[in-house]
Amino acid sequence: MRPFDDATRRNIEAACASFARLPGEAEPSALKRAAVVLALTESSDGDDTAFLLTRRASHLRAHRGQWALPGGRCDAGETPVEAALRELDEELALKLSADAVLGLLDDYPTRSGYLITPVVVWAADSAAIAPNPDEVASVHRIALDTIEHDDAFDFTAIPESARRVIRFHHQMSLIHAPTAALIYQFREVLAGRHTRVTDLEQPVFAWK
């Protein structure tokens, strides 16, 4: 168990600092920059540290109804960290400063044309969470001990790709890459392992 306290914050920040992050290509051809947030907060019962996972609104044009980390496309001239903090505010009304950032994970290129930078942040004031109904159908707190179980993830083959599809088992749902891949790498970083995830595939329905 990882209680939501200063010691856990320091430990996670140290794990992120020791992770040798791989950025994407300096000029990725036709890939649009985007950022997502692994926002750490109290679990539902208050006994553990959790991260926030959202269900996208059903009326959105792209990836409607899918599980996702808060995030979105970087605006012109915006860094991934700035975009991540802005999106967290726009989607969940969590206003955090750059001081809340604990680290960054590997950039992940998606089949739909984005290069995603995952930003890990410490969201201390989680009582302020207010999902924006224009973008978010629901928000969920996933305790870190959930993703550390051996059976939390699986890997499967698909005929359309030589790469393995990763899936995260959450309650009665299967969450796929890119979200599952980013959560998996965060789990590995917490364990001190420098595991790469860009070779993990997304399901065909996420390729558009």
Protein backbone atom coordinates (compact mmCIF):
# COMPACT_ATOMS: atom_id res chain seq x y z
CA MET A 1 0.00 0.00 0.00
CA ARG A 2 1.16 3.53 -0.80
CA PRO A 3 -0.52 6.01 1.59
CA PHE A 4 -1.25 9.42 0.13
CA ASP A 5 1.37 11.38 2.06
CA ASP A 6 4.60 13.31 1.66
CA ALA A 7 6.74 10.18 1.89
CA THR A 8 4.89 8.57 -1.01
CA ARG A 9 5.19 11.77 -3.03
CA ARG A 10 8.95 11.83 -2.46
CA ASN A 11 9.30 8.16 -3.38
CA ILE A 12 7.34 8.53 -6.62
CA GLU A 13 9.21 11.70 -7.55
CA ALA A 14 12.50 9.86 -6.97
CA ALA A 15 11.33 6.93 -9.11
CA CYS A 16 10.42 9.31 -11.94
CA ALA A 17 13.74 11.13 -11.61
CA SER A 18 15.71 7.90 -11.91
CA PHE A 19 13.74 6.82 -15.00
CA ALA A 20 15.67 7.37 -18.24
CA ARG A 21 12.81 8.81 -20.27
CA LEU A 22 12.86 8.43 -24.05
CA PRO A 23 11.39 11.43 -25.89
CA GLY A 24 9.82 11.01 -29.29
CA GLU A 25 11.57 12.08 -32.48
CA ALA A 26 12.50 15.75 -32.57
CA GLU A 27 10.36 16.25 -35.67
CA PRO A 28 7.91 13.35 -35.90
CA SER A 29 6.46 13.25 -39.38
CA ALA A 30 2.78 14.16 -39.29
CA LEU A 31 2.41 13.34 -35.58
CA LYS A 32 0.57 15.95 -33.50
CA ARG A 33 1.86 16.64 -29.98
CA ALA A 34 -0.42 15.74 -27.08
CA ALA A 35 -0.13 15.21 -23.34
CA VAL A 36 -1.95 13.16 -20.73
CA VAL A 37 -1.85 13.30 -16.95
CA LEU A 38 -1.27 10.60 -14.39
CA ALA A 39 -2.81 12.66 -11.58
CA LEU A 40 -2.08 11.12 -8.19
CA THR A 41 -4.59 11.65 -5.41
CA GLU A 42 -6.30 9.86 -2.54
CA SER A 43 -8.06 6.58 -3.27
CA SER A 44 -11.81 6.32 -2.74
CA ASP A 45 -11.40 4.93 0.77
CA GLY A 46 -8.58 7.34 1.60
CA ASP A 47 -6.13 4.57 2.51
CA ASP A 48 -4.00 4.56 -0.63
CA THR A 49 -2.61 6.72 -3.40
CA ALA A 50 -4.62 6.51 -6.62
CA PHE A 51 -4.55 7.99 -10.11
CA LEU A 52 -7.49 9.54 -11.93
CA LEU A 53 -9.03 7.75 -14.89
CA THR A 54 -11.91 9.18 -16.90
CA ARG A 55 -14.63 7.86 -19.15
CA ARG A 56 -14.94 10.11 -22.20
CA ALA A 57 -18.31 11.68 -22.91
CA SER A 58 -20.51 9.72 -25.33
CA HIS A 59 -21.10 12.70 -27.64
CA LEU A 60 -17.43 13.42 -28.41
CA ARG A 61 -16.37 13.18 -32.03
CA ALA A 62 -13.34 10.92 -31.41
CA HIS A 63 -12.95 7.96 -29.04
CA ARG A 64 -16.35 8.57 -27.47
CA GLY A 65 -17.15 6.58 -24.35
CA GLN A 66 -13.62 5.21 -24.03
CA TRP A 67 -11.47 5.09 -20.90
CA ALA A 68 -8.72 7.71 -20.89
CA LEU A 69 -6.28 9.64 -18.77
CA PRO A 70 -7.07 13.37 -18.66
CA GLY A 71 -5.33 15.11 -21.52
CA GLY A 72 -5.44 16.33 -25.08
CA ARG A 73 -3.63 18.03 -27.92
CA CYS A 74 -0.95 20.63 -27.25
CA ASP A 75 -1.88 24.12 -28.39
CA ALA A 76 0.54 26.08 -30.60
CA GLY A 77 3.62 27.08 -28.60
CA GLU A 78 2.55 25.00 -25.58
CA THR A 79 4.83 22.48 -23.88
CA PRO A 80 3.47 19.03 -22.96
CA VAL A 81 3.56 19.96 -19.26
CA GLU A 82 1.60 23.15 -19.91
CA ALA A 83 -0.91 21.21 -22.02
CA ALA A 84 -1.29 18.51 -19.37
CA LEU A 85 -2.01 21.02 -16.61
CA ARG A 86 -4.42 22.97 -18.82
CA GLU A 87 -6.32 19.83 -19.81
CA LEU A 88 -6.55 18.70 -16.19
CA ASP A 89 -8.15 22.03 -15.35
CA GLU A 90 -10.50 21.96 -18.35
CA GLU A 91 -11.64 18.35 -17.83
CA LEU A 92 -11.70 18.04 -14.02
CA ALA A 93 -11.36 21.62 -12.67
CA LEU A 94 -8.08 20.71 -10.99
CA LYS A 95 -5.81 23.76 -11.09
CA LEU A 96 -2.21 22.71 -10.47
CA SER A 97 1.05 24.55 -10.90
CA ALA A 98 4.27 23.23 -12.40
CA ASP A 99 5.43 22.52 -8.83
CA ALA A 100 2.99 19.58 -8.78
CA VAL A 101 4.81 17.79 -11.63
CA LEU A 102 6.76 14.73 -10.43
CA GLY A 103 8.14 13.59 -13.78
CA LEU A 104 7.50 12.51 -17.37
CA LEU A 105 7.34 9.07 -18.96
CA ASP A 106 8.26 7.99 -22.49
CA ASP A 107 6.52 9.65 -25.42
CA TYR A 108 4.07 7.22 -27.02
CA PRO A 109 3.14 7.44 -30.75
CA THR A 110 -0.45 6.47 -31.48
CA ARG A 111 -2.04 4.94 -34.55
CA SER A 112 -4.40 7.92 -34.71
CA GLY A 113 -1.54 10.35 -35.35
CA TYR A 114 -0.47 11.72 -31.96
CA LEU A 115 2.75 11.69 -29.97
CA ILE A 116 1.62 11.56 -26.34
CA THR A 117 3.76 12.77 -23.44
CA PRO A 118 2.59 11.32 -20.07
CA VAL A 119 3.02 13.78 -17.19
CA VAL A 120 2.93 12.54 -13.59
CA VAL A 121 1.51 15.09 -11.13
CA TRP A 122 0.64 15.21 -7.43
CA ALA A 123 -2.98 16.38 -7.13
CA ALA A 124 -3.25 17.14 -3.44
CA ASP A 125 -6.57 19.04 -3.50
CA SER A 126 -8.70 16.26 -5.00
CA ALA A 127 -11.84 17.59 -3.29
CA ALA A 128 -11.96 20.19 -6.05
CA ILE A 129 -12.59 17.61 -8.81
CA ALA A 130 -15.59 18.61 -10.95
CA PRO A 131 -15.85 16.69 -14.26
CA ASN A 132 -16.68 18.84 -17.28
CA PRO A 133 -19.75 17.15 -18.84
CA ASP A 134 -18.75 18.42 -22.28
CA GLU A 135 -15.71 16.11 -22.17
CA VAL A 136 -16.01 13.68 -19.25
CA ALA A 137 -18.80 11.23 -18.47
CA SER A 138 -17.26 10.04 -15.19
CA VAL A 139 -14.03 10.09 -13.21
CA HIS A 140 -12.59 7.17 -11.24
CA ARG A 141 -9.84 6.77 -8.65
CA ILE A 142 -7.65 3.73 -9.36
CA ALA A 143 -5.57 2.72 -6.35
CA LEU A 144 -1.92 2.07 -7.17
CA ASP A 145 -1.99 -1.36 -5.57
CA THR A 146 -4.56 -2.29 -8.26
CA ILE A 147 -2.08 -1.88 -11.09
CA GLU A 148 0.68 -3.65 -9.16
CA HIS A 149 -1.17 -6.98 -9.15
CA ASP A 150 0.28 -9.64 -11.47
CA ASP A 151 -3.05 -10.11 -13.25
CA ALA A 152 -3.80 -6.41 -13.79
CA PHE A 153 -2.50 -6.51 -17.40
CA ASP A 154 -2.46 -9.02 -20.19
CA PHE A 155 -0.97 -9.16 -23.68
CA THR A 156 -2.70 -10.62 -26.70
CA ALA A 157 -2.06 -11.06 -30.41
CA ILE A 158 -4.16 -9.64 -33.23
CA PRO A 159 -3.99 -10.63 -36.93
CA GLU A 160 -3.59 -7.00 -38.04
CA SER A 161 -0.21 -6.44 -36.32
CA ALA A 162 2.95 -8.27 -35.28
CA ARG A 163 2.94 -6.25 -32.05
CA ARG A 164 1.17 -7.41 -28.90
CA VAL A 165 -1.94 -5.58 -27.70
CA ILE A 166 -1.82 -4.65 -24.02
CA ARG A 167 -4.98 -4.61 -21.91
CA PHE A 168 -5.58 -3.34 -18.37
CA HIS A 169 -8.30 -5.12 -16.43
CA HIS A 170 -10.40 -2.59 -14.52
CA GLN A 171 -13.47 -3.99 -12.79
CA MET A 172 -15.54 -5.45 -15.65
CA SER A 173 -13.81 -3.41 -18.36
CA LEU A 174 -10.77 -3.91 -20.57
CA ILE A 175 -8.75 -0.74 -21.09
CA HIS A 176 -6.45 -0.78 -24.10
CA ALA A 177 -3.43 1.18 -25.32
CA PRO A 178 -2.48 3.92 -25.44
CA THR A 179 -4.00 4.38 -21.96
CA ALA A 180 -3.13 0.85 -20.82
CA ALA A 181 0.44 1.15 -22.12
CA LEU A 182 1.05 4.40 -20.23
CA ILE A 183 -0.41 3.02 -17.00
CA TYR A 184 1.72 -0.10 -17.40
CA GLN A 185 4.90 1.91 -17.84
CA PHE A 186 4.03 3.95 -14.74
CA ARG A 187 3.61 0.68 -12.82
CA GLU A 188 7.05 -0.40 -14.02
CA VAL A 189 8.64 2.94 -13.09
CA LEU A 190 7.24 2.62 -9.57
CA ALA A 191 8.97 -0.77 -9.35
CA GLY A 192 12.27 0.67 -10.54
CA ARG A 193 12.12 -1.02 -13.95
CA HIS A 194 12.91 0.90 -17.16
CA THR A 195 10.34 -0.90 -19.28
CA ARG A 196 9.57 0.51 -22.73
CA VAL A 197 6.04 0.44 -24.12
CA THR A 198 6.16 1.95 -27.61
CA ASP A 199 6.17 -1.58 -29.04
CA LEU A 200 2.82 -2.34 -27.38
CA GLU A 201 -0.04 -2.22 -29.85
CA GLN A 202 -3.43 -0.56 -29.75
CA PRO A 203 -6.62 -2.37 -30.78
CA VAL A 204 -7.82 -1.78 -34.31
CA PHE A 205 -10.80 0.34 -33.19
CA ALA A 206 -8.31 2.90 -31.78
CA TRP A 207 -6.37 3.26 -35.02
CA LYS A 208 -8.56 6.10 -36.31
